[in-house]
Amino acid sequence: MGYRDMKFGDDLPEWNDWDKPSTNGHGDINWRDLDEDGSRAEAVELASSMRGQWLIGMALYVTLDVIKEQAEQFGPLDEQDQKDVRDLTTMMDKLFPLYKNVIDHGKENDDEEL
C-alpha cells in the first residue's frame, strides 16, 4: 500500500521501518546496501536533528508559498496539485512545524513595539 492509498487513521509503519525495502511492486531497494559510505545514515541523523527539522520545514514552507503564488498568477490548481498542497501542508504542520511556527509568530508580532 502506497502513501496515497492510506486513509486518515491507518496505522503508519514504525519510524525505523521506513528504511526497509519497498514492497510496493516497483522493485525492492535495500537502502542499507546503497549506503556504503554512511552518507544516508548521516542524512537521517541530520533530518532527525533540530537543524534538519528547521531545514525540511523551510523547504516545505517555501515550496507551498511558490505553489500558491503560481496559482494566483496562472489560475486554479489542478486536482493533483491540490493533493500535493494538502500532503505538503500535512507534512509541514504535523511533522516539520518548527519553521512555520517561528515565521508565523514573527508575522503576528511585526506590529508590536519592542
Protein backbone atom coordinates (compact mmCIF):
# COMPACT_ATOMS: atom_id res chain seq x y z
CA MET A 1 0.00 0.00 0.00
CA GLY A 2 1.44 3.36 -1.04
CA TYR A 3 1.02 6.53 0.98
CA ARG A 4 -1.66 7.77 -1.44
CA ASP A 5 -3.75 4.67 -0.61
CA MET A 6 -3.64 5.36 3.11
CA LYS A 7 -6.62 6.84 4.85
CA PHE A 8 -6.62 9.04 7.93
CA GLY A 9 -6.29 6.82 10.96
CA ASP A 10 -4.47 3.99 9.17
CA ASP A 11 -1.52 2.67 11.10
CA LEU A 12 1.74 4.05 9.80
CA PRO A 13 4.93 2.00 9.79
CA GLU A 14 7.19 2.50 12.75
CA TRP A 15 9.78 5.24 12.19
CA ASN A 16 12.59 2.70 11.90
CA ASP A 17 10.63 0.72 9.26
CA TRP A 18 10.85 3.48 6.64
CA ASP A 19 14.33 2.40 5.60
CA LYS A 20 13.31 -1.20 5.00
CA PRO A 21 12.99 -2.42 1.42
CA SER A 22 9.94 -1.29 -0.52
CA THR A 23 7.09 -3.72 -1.06
CA ASN A 24 5.20 -1.51 -3.49
CA GLY A 25 5.78 -3.68 -6.53
CA HIS A 26 8.15 -1.19 -8.16
CA GLY A 27 11.22 -3.18 -7.25
CA ASP A 28 12.64 -3.56 -3.80
CA ILE A 29 15.55 -1.37 -2.84
CA ASN A 30 17.71 -2.29 0.09
CA TRP A 31 18.85 1.15 1.22
CA ARG A 32 21.46 -0.29 3.55
CA ASP A 33 23.28 -1.77 0.53
CA LEU A 34 23.36 1.66 -1.14
CA ASP A 35 24.79 3.36 1.96
CA GLU A 36 28.32 2.06 1.62
CA ASP A 37 29.92 5.29 2.85
CA GLY A 38 27.42 6.03 5.64
CA SER A 39 26.09 9.17 3.94
CA ARG A 40 22.45 8.03 4.14
CA ALA A 41 22.82 7.39 7.87
CA GLU A 42 24.36 10.85 8.20
CA ALA A 43 21.42 12.39 6.28
CA VAL A 44 18.90 10.58 8.52
CA GLU A 45 20.75 11.86 11.58
CA LEU A 46 20.67 15.42 10.19
CA ALA A 47 16.95 15.15 9.34
CA SER A 48 16.28 14.00 12.90
CA SER A 49 18.16 16.94 14.43
CA MET A 50 16.70 20.34 15.24
CA ARG A 51 18.59 21.84 12.27
CA GLY A 52 17.21 19.15 9.97
CA GLN A 53 13.68 19.80 11.24
CA TRP A 54 14.22 23.52 10.54
CA LEU A 55 15.57 22.93 7.01
CA ILE A 56 12.87 20.46 5.98
CA GLY A 57 10.18 22.76 7.41
CA MET A 58 11.69 25.70 5.49
CA ALA A 59 11.71 23.69 2.25
CA LEU A 60 8.06 22.75 2.70
CA TYR A 61 7.06 26.32 3.64
CA VAL A 62 8.84 27.88 0.64
CA THR A 63 7.51 25.21 -1.74
CA LEU A 64 3.93 25.85 -0.61
CA ASP A 65 4.48 29.59 -0.95
CA VAL A 66 5.69 29.17 -4.55
CA ILE A 67 2.78 26.89 -5.46
CA LYS A 68 0.28 29.39 -4.02
CA GLU A 69 1.93 32.28 -5.91
CA GLN A 70 1.76 30.29 -9.15
CA ALA A 71 -1.93 29.56 -8.55
CA GLU A 72 -2.58 33.27 -8.10
CA GLN A 73 -0.67 34.09 -11.29
CA PHE A 74 -1.75 31.24 -13.57
CA GLY A 75 -5.15 30.19 -12.23
CA PRO A 76 -6.56 27.44 -10.05
CA LEU A 77 -4.56 24.34 -9.24
CA ASP A 78 -5.49 21.07 -10.91
CA GLU A 79 -6.58 18.10 -8.80
CA GLN A 80 -3.07 16.61 -8.47
CA ASP A 81 -1.59 19.95 -7.41
CA GLN A 82 -4.34 20.33 -4.82
CA LYS A 83 -3.48 16.88 -3.44
CA ASP A 84 0.20 17.84 -3.38
CA VAL A 85 -0.60 21.01 -1.45
CA ARG A 86 -2.67 19.03 1.06
CA ASP A 87 0.10 16.44 1.52
CA LEU A 88 2.84 19.08 1.82
CA THR A 89 0.74 21.06 4.31
CA THR A 90 0.09 17.94 6.39
CA MET A 91 3.79 17.11 6.47
CA MET A 92 4.69 20.68 7.41
CA ASP A 93 2.00 21.01 10.09
CA LYS A 94 2.36 17.55 11.64
CA LEU A 95 6.00 16.53 11.12
CA PHE A 96 8.05 19.67 10.49
CA PRO A 97 6.23 22.65 12.09
CA LEU A 98 9.26 24.46 13.54
CA TYR A 99 9.98 26.88 10.66
CA LYS A 100 6.30 27.73 10.08
CA ASN A 101 5.71 28.34 13.78
CA VAL A 102 8.67 30.71 14.04
CA ILE A 103 7.75 32.59 10.85
CA ASP A 104 4.06 32.84 11.75
CA HIS A 105 4.91 34.01 15.28
CA GLY A 106 7.17 36.69 13.79
CA LYS A 107 4.40 37.86 11.46
CA GLU A 108 1.98 38.10 14.40
CA ASN A 109 4.41 40.27 16.30
CA ASP A 110 5.57 42.54 13.46
CA ASP A 111 3.25 45.33 14.58
CA GLU A 112 4.19 45.15 18.24
CA GLU A 113 6.73 47.59 19.61
CA LEU A 114 9.70 46.17 21.44
